[in-house]
Amino acid sequence: MRISHQQSKPSYTLYMEYRDNTGASQYYRIQFPSLNEALTWMNTQAYSIHLEAICPASTSKRPVRDSQITQQNHEKKTESSEAA
């Protein structure tokens, strides 16, 4: 979940990452005006959305892991720091 502080009001974005039949990462993103709405949607409706081109075999063969996300975020922060 990402919180945006660039707008006048905070918004909460949920990202779901999965893999397609080529093993490439695909994403589903949805924004909410409040944390409560984001959590409610995640707990009640996230399971029923249609993920375009999802491949269960690729997703289970190469799952997205927290360590990958943490590493990607670290790399982005490093790139941003170097560009400044």
N, C-alpha and C. Protein backbone atom coordinates (compact mmCIF):
# COMPACT_ATOMS: atom_id res chain seq x y z
N MET A 1 0.85 -1.15 0.00
CA MET A 1 0.00 0.00 0.00
C MET A 1 0.90 1.23 0.00
N ARG A 2 0.54 2.21 -0.80
CA ARG A 2 1.31 3.43 -0.89
C ARG A 2 0.44 4.61 -0.48
N ILE A 3 1.01 5.53 0.27
CA ILE A 3 0.30 6.73 0.68
C ILE A 3 0.87 7.91 -0.09
N SER A 4 0.02 8.66 -0.76
CA SER A 4 0.46 9.82 -1.51
C SER A 4 0.25 11.08 -0.69
N HIS A 5 1.33 11.84 -0.52
CA HIS A 5 1.24 13.09 0.22
C HIS A 5 1.35 14.30 -0.72
N GLN A 6 1.43 14.07 -2.02
CA GLN A 6 1.59 15.15 -2.97
C GLN A 6 0.28 15.86 -3.24
N GLN A 7 -0.82 15.23 -2.96
CA GLN A 7 -2.13 15.83 -3.15
C GLN A 7 -2.52 16.56 -1.87
N SER A 8 -3.58 17.37 -1.95
CA SER A 8 -4.01 18.08 -0.76
C SER A 8 -4.56 17.13 0.30
N LYS A 9 -5.14 16.02 -0.13
CA LYS A 9 -5.64 15.00 0.79
C LYS A 9 -4.87 13.71 0.54
N PRO A 10 -4.58 12.96 1.60
CA PRO A 10 -3.89 11.68 1.37
C PRO A 10 -4.78 10.72 0.59
N SER A 11 -4.14 9.89 -0.21
CA SER A 11 -4.86 8.81 -0.88
C SER A 11 -4.09 7.53 -0.64
N TYR A 12 -4.77 6.44 -0.71
CA TYR A 12 -4.20 5.13 -0.43
C TYR A 12 -4.34 4.28 -1.67
N THR A 13 -3.23 3.73 -2.13
CA THR A 13 -3.21 2.94 -3.34
C THR A 13 -2.83 1.51 -3.02
N LEU A 14 -3.63 0.58 -3.50
CA LEU A 14 -3.32 -0.85 -3.37
C LEU A 14 -2.80 -1.34 -4.71
N TYR A 15 -1.70 -2.06 -4.67
CA TYR A 15 -1.13 -2.67 -5.86
C TYR A 15 -1.17 -4.18 -5.68
N MET A 16 -1.62 -4.87 -6.71
CA MET A 16 -1.54 -6.32 -6.73
C MET A 16 -0.64 -6.68 -7.90
N GLU A 17 0.41 -7.42 -7.62
CA GLU A 17 1.31 -7.83 -8.67
C GLU A 17 1.15 -9.32 -8.91
N TYR A 18 1.13 -9.69 -10.16
CA TYR A 18 1.02 -11.09 -10.54
C TYR A 18 1.77 -11.30 -11.84
N ARG A 19 1.83 -12.51 -12.33
CA ARG A 19 2.58 -12.81 -13.56
C ARG A 19 1.64 -13.30 -14.65
N ASP A 20 2.00 -12.93 -15.89
CA ASP A 20 1.23 -13.40 -17.04
C ASP A 20 1.86 -14.69 -17.57
N ASN A 21 1.36 -15.18 -18.71
CA ASN A 21 1.84 -16.48 -19.22
C ASN A 21 3.28 -16.45 -19.72
N THR A 22 3.88 -15.27 -19.88
CA THR A 22 5.29 -15.19 -20.25
C THR A 22 6.18 -15.04 -19.03
N GLY A 23 5.55 -14.91 -17.84
CA GLY A 23 6.30 -14.72 -16.61
C GLY A 23 6.55 -13.26 -16.27
N ALA A 24 6.05 -12.37 -17.14
CA ALA A 24 6.22 -10.93 -16.89
C ALA A 24 5.28 -10.46 -15.78
N SER A 25 5.73 -9.47 -15.05
CA SER A 25 4.90 -8.91 -13.99
C SER A 25 3.78 -8.06 -14.57
N GLN A 26 2.61 -8.22 -14.01
CA GLN A 26 1.46 -7.39 -14.35
C GLN A 26 0.95 -6.81 -13.05
N TYR A 27 0.21 -5.72 -13.14
CA TYR A 27 -0.23 -5.02 -11.93
C TYR A 27 -1.70 -4.65 -12.02
N TYR A 28 -2.34 -4.68 -10.88
CA TYR A 28 -3.68 -4.12 -10.73
C TYR A 28 -3.55 -3.06 -9.66
N ARG A 29 -4.05 -1.86 -9.94
CA ARG A 29 -3.91 -0.74 -9.00
C ARG A 29 -5.27 -0.10 -8.79
N ILE A 30 -5.56 0.24 -7.54
CA ILE A 30 -6.80 0.92 -7.21
C ILE A 30 -6.52 1.90 -6.07
N GLN A 31 -7.12 3.09 -6.16
CA GLN A 31 -6.91 4.14 -5.17
C GLN A 31 -8.14 4.38 -4.33
N PHE A 32 -7.90 4.78 -3.08
CA PHE A 32 -8.97 5.06 -2.12
C PHE A 32 -8.67 6.36 -1.39
N PRO A 33 -9.71 7.07 -0.99
CA PRO A 33 -9.51 8.32 -0.24
C PRO A 33 -9.19 8.11 1.24
N SER A 34 -9.44 6.90 1.74
CA SER A 34 -9.16 6.66 3.16
C SER A 34 -8.58 5.26 3.37
N LEU A 35 -7.81 5.13 4.42
CA LEU A 35 -7.24 3.83 4.77
C LEU A 35 -8.34 2.83 5.07
N ASN A 36 -9.38 3.26 5.76
CA ASN A 36 -10.48 2.37 6.10
C ASN A 36 -11.14 1.79 4.84
N GLU A 37 -11.36 2.63 3.83
CA GLU A 37 -11.96 2.15 2.58
C GLU A 37 -11.03 1.16 1.87
N ALA A 38 -9.73 1.45 1.88
CA ALA A 38 -8.77 0.55 1.24
C ALA A 38 -8.76 -0.82 1.92
N LEU A 39 -8.73 -0.82 3.25
CA LEU A 39 -8.71 -2.08 3.98
C LEU A 39 -10.02 -2.85 3.83
N THR A 40 -11.13 -2.12 3.84
CA THR A 40 -12.43 -2.78 3.66
C THR A 40 -12.51 -3.44 2.29
N TRP A 41 -12.09 -2.72 1.25
CA TRP A 41 -12.11 -3.28 -0.11
C TRP A 41 -11.19 -4.49 -0.18
N MET A 42 -10.01 -4.37 0.41
CA MET A 42 -9.05 -5.47 0.37
C MET A 42 -9.61 -6.73 1.03
N ASN A 43 -10.34 -6.54 2.13
CA ASN A 43 -10.87 -7.68 2.87
C ASN A 43 -12.20 -8.21 2.34
N THR A 44 -12.89 -7.45 1.51
CA THR A 44 -14.22 -7.89 1.06
C THR A 44 -14.35 -8.07 -0.44
N GLN A 45 -13.55 -7.36 -1.24
CA GLN A 45 -13.75 -7.40 -2.68
C GLN A 45 -12.52 -7.78 -3.50
N ALA A 46 -11.35 -7.68 -2.93
CA ALA A 46 -10.12 -7.93 -3.70
C ALA A 46 -10.11 -9.33 -4.32
N TYR A 47 -10.64 -10.29 -3.61
CA TYR A 47 -10.61 -11.67 -4.10
C TYR A 47 -11.47 -11.87 -5.35
N SER A 48 -12.39 -10.98 -5.61
CA SER A 48 -13.32 -11.20 -6.72
C SER A 48 -13.01 -10.40 -7.98
N ILE A 49 -11.93 -9.64 -8.00
CA ILE A 49 -11.64 -8.85 -9.20
C ILE A 49 -11.04 -9.73 -10.29
N HIS A 50 -11.18 -9.29 -11.52
CA HIS A 50 -10.62 -10.01 -12.67
C HIS A 50 -9.23 -9.45 -12.95
N LEU A 51 -8.22 -10.28 -12.83
CA LEU A 51 -6.85 -9.88 -13.14
C LEU A 51 -6.56 -10.27 -14.58
N GLU A 52 -6.42 -9.27 -15.42
CA GLU A 52 -6.23 -9.46 -16.86
C GLU A 52 -4.98 -10.29 -17.13
N ALA A 53 -5.14 -11.37 -17.87
CA ALA A 53 -4.03 -12.21 -18.35
C ALA A 53 -3.22 -12.90 -17.25
N ILE A 54 -3.80 -13.11 -16.07
CA ILE A 54 -3.06 -13.78 -15.01
C ILE A 54 -2.80 -15.23 -15.41
N CYS A 55 -1.63 -15.70 -15.06
CA CYS A 55 -1.26 -17.09 -15.30
C CYS A 55 -0.92 -17.71 -13.94
N PRO A 56 -1.82 -18.54 -13.40
CA PRO A 56 -1.56 -19.14 -12.10
C PRO A 56 -0.25 -19.92 -12.04
N ALA A 57 0.10 -20.61 -13.13
CA ALA A 57 1.34 -21.39 -13.13
C ALA A 57 2.56 -20.49 -13.01
N SER A 58 2.60 -19.40 -13.80
CA SER A 58 3.73 -18.47 -13.73
C SER A 58 3.79 -17.75 -12.39
N THR A 59 2.62 -17.39 -11.87
CA THR A 59 2.57 -16.67 -10.60
C THR A 59 3.05 -17.56 -9.46
N SER A 60 2.68 -18.83 -9.47
CA SER A 60 3.13 -19.71 -8.39
C SER A 60 4.58 -20.16 -8.61
N LYS A 61 5.00 -20.25 -9.88
CA LYS A 61 6.38 -20.65 -10.17
C LYS A 61 7.37 -19.56 -9.79
N ARG A 62 7.00 -18.31 -10.03
CA ARG A 62 7.86 -17.15 -9.72
C ARG A 62 7.07 -16.14 -8.91
N PRO A 63 6.75 -16.45 -7.66
CA PRO A 63 5.92 -15.53 -6.86
C PRO A 63 6.64 -14.21 -6.58
N VAL A 64 5.85 -13.19 -6.40
CA VAL A 64 6.38 -11.90 -5.99
C VAL A 64 6.60 -11.99 -4.49
N ARG A 65 7.80 -11.68 -4.07
CA ARG A 65 8.13 -11.81 -2.66
C ARG A 65 8.36 -10.42 -2.04
N ASP A 66 8.14 -10.35 -0.73
CA ASP A 66 8.38 -9.09 -0.01
C ASP A 66 9.80 -8.61 -0.21
N SER A 67 10.76 -9.54 -0.24
CA SER A 67 12.16 -9.14 -0.40
C SER A 67 12.39 -8.50 -1.76
N GLN A 68 11.70 -8.97 -2.80
CA GLN A 68 11.82 -8.36 -4.12
C GLN A 68 11.27 -6.94 -4.10
N ILE A 69 10.14 -6.75 -3.46
CA ILE A 69 9.52 -5.43 -3.38
C ILE A 69 10.42 -4.49 -2.59
N THR A 70 10.96 -4.97 -1.47
CA THR A 70 11.85 -4.16 -0.66
C THR A 70 13.09 -3.77 -1.46
N GLN A 71 13.64 -4.71 -2.21
CA GLN A 71 14.83 -4.43 -3.02
C GLN A 71 14.51 -3.41 -4.11
N GLN A 72 13.36 -3.55 -4.78
CA GLN A 72 12.97 -2.61 -5.82
C GLN A 72 12.79 -1.22 -5.24
N ASN A 73 12.15 -1.10 -4.08
CA ASN A 73 11.98 0.20 -3.44
C ASN A 73 13.32 0.82 -3.07
N HIS A 74 14.25 0.00 -2.58
CA HIS A 74 15.57 0.48 -2.23
C HIS A 74 16.30 1.00 -3.47
N GLU A 75 16.19 0.27 -4.58
CA GLU A 75 16.84 0.69 -5.82
C GLU A 75 16.25 2.00 -6.33
N LYS A 76 14.94 2.17 -6.23
CA LYS A 76 14.30 3.42 -6.66
C LYS A 76 14.75 4.58 -5.81
N LYS A 77 14.84 4.38 -4.48
CA LYS A 77 15.28 5.44 -3.59
C LYS A 77 16.72 5.82 -3.89
N THR A 78 17.57 4.83 -4.17
CA THR A 78 18.97 5.07 -4.48
C THR A 78 19.08 5.88 -5.78
N GLU A 79 18.29 5.49 -6.80
CA GLU A 79 18.30 6.22 -8.06
C GLU A 79 17.84 7.66 -7.87
N SER A 80 16.80 7.86 -7.06
CA SER A 80 16.29 9.21 -6.79
C SER A 80 17.34 10.05 -6.08
N SER A 81 18.05 9.47 -5.13
CA SER A 81 19.07 10.20 -4.38
C SER A 81 20.22 10.59 -5.29
N GLU A 82 20.59 9.69 -6.20
CA GLU A 82 21.69 9.98 -7.10
C GLU A 82 21.34 11.05 -8.12
N ALA A 83 20.06 11.10 -8.52
CA ALA A 83 19.62 12.08 -9.51
C ALA A 83 19.53 13.47 -8.90
N ALA A 84 19.35 13.57 -7.58
CA ALA A 84 19.18 14.87 -6.93
C ALA A 84 20.46 15.64 -6.77
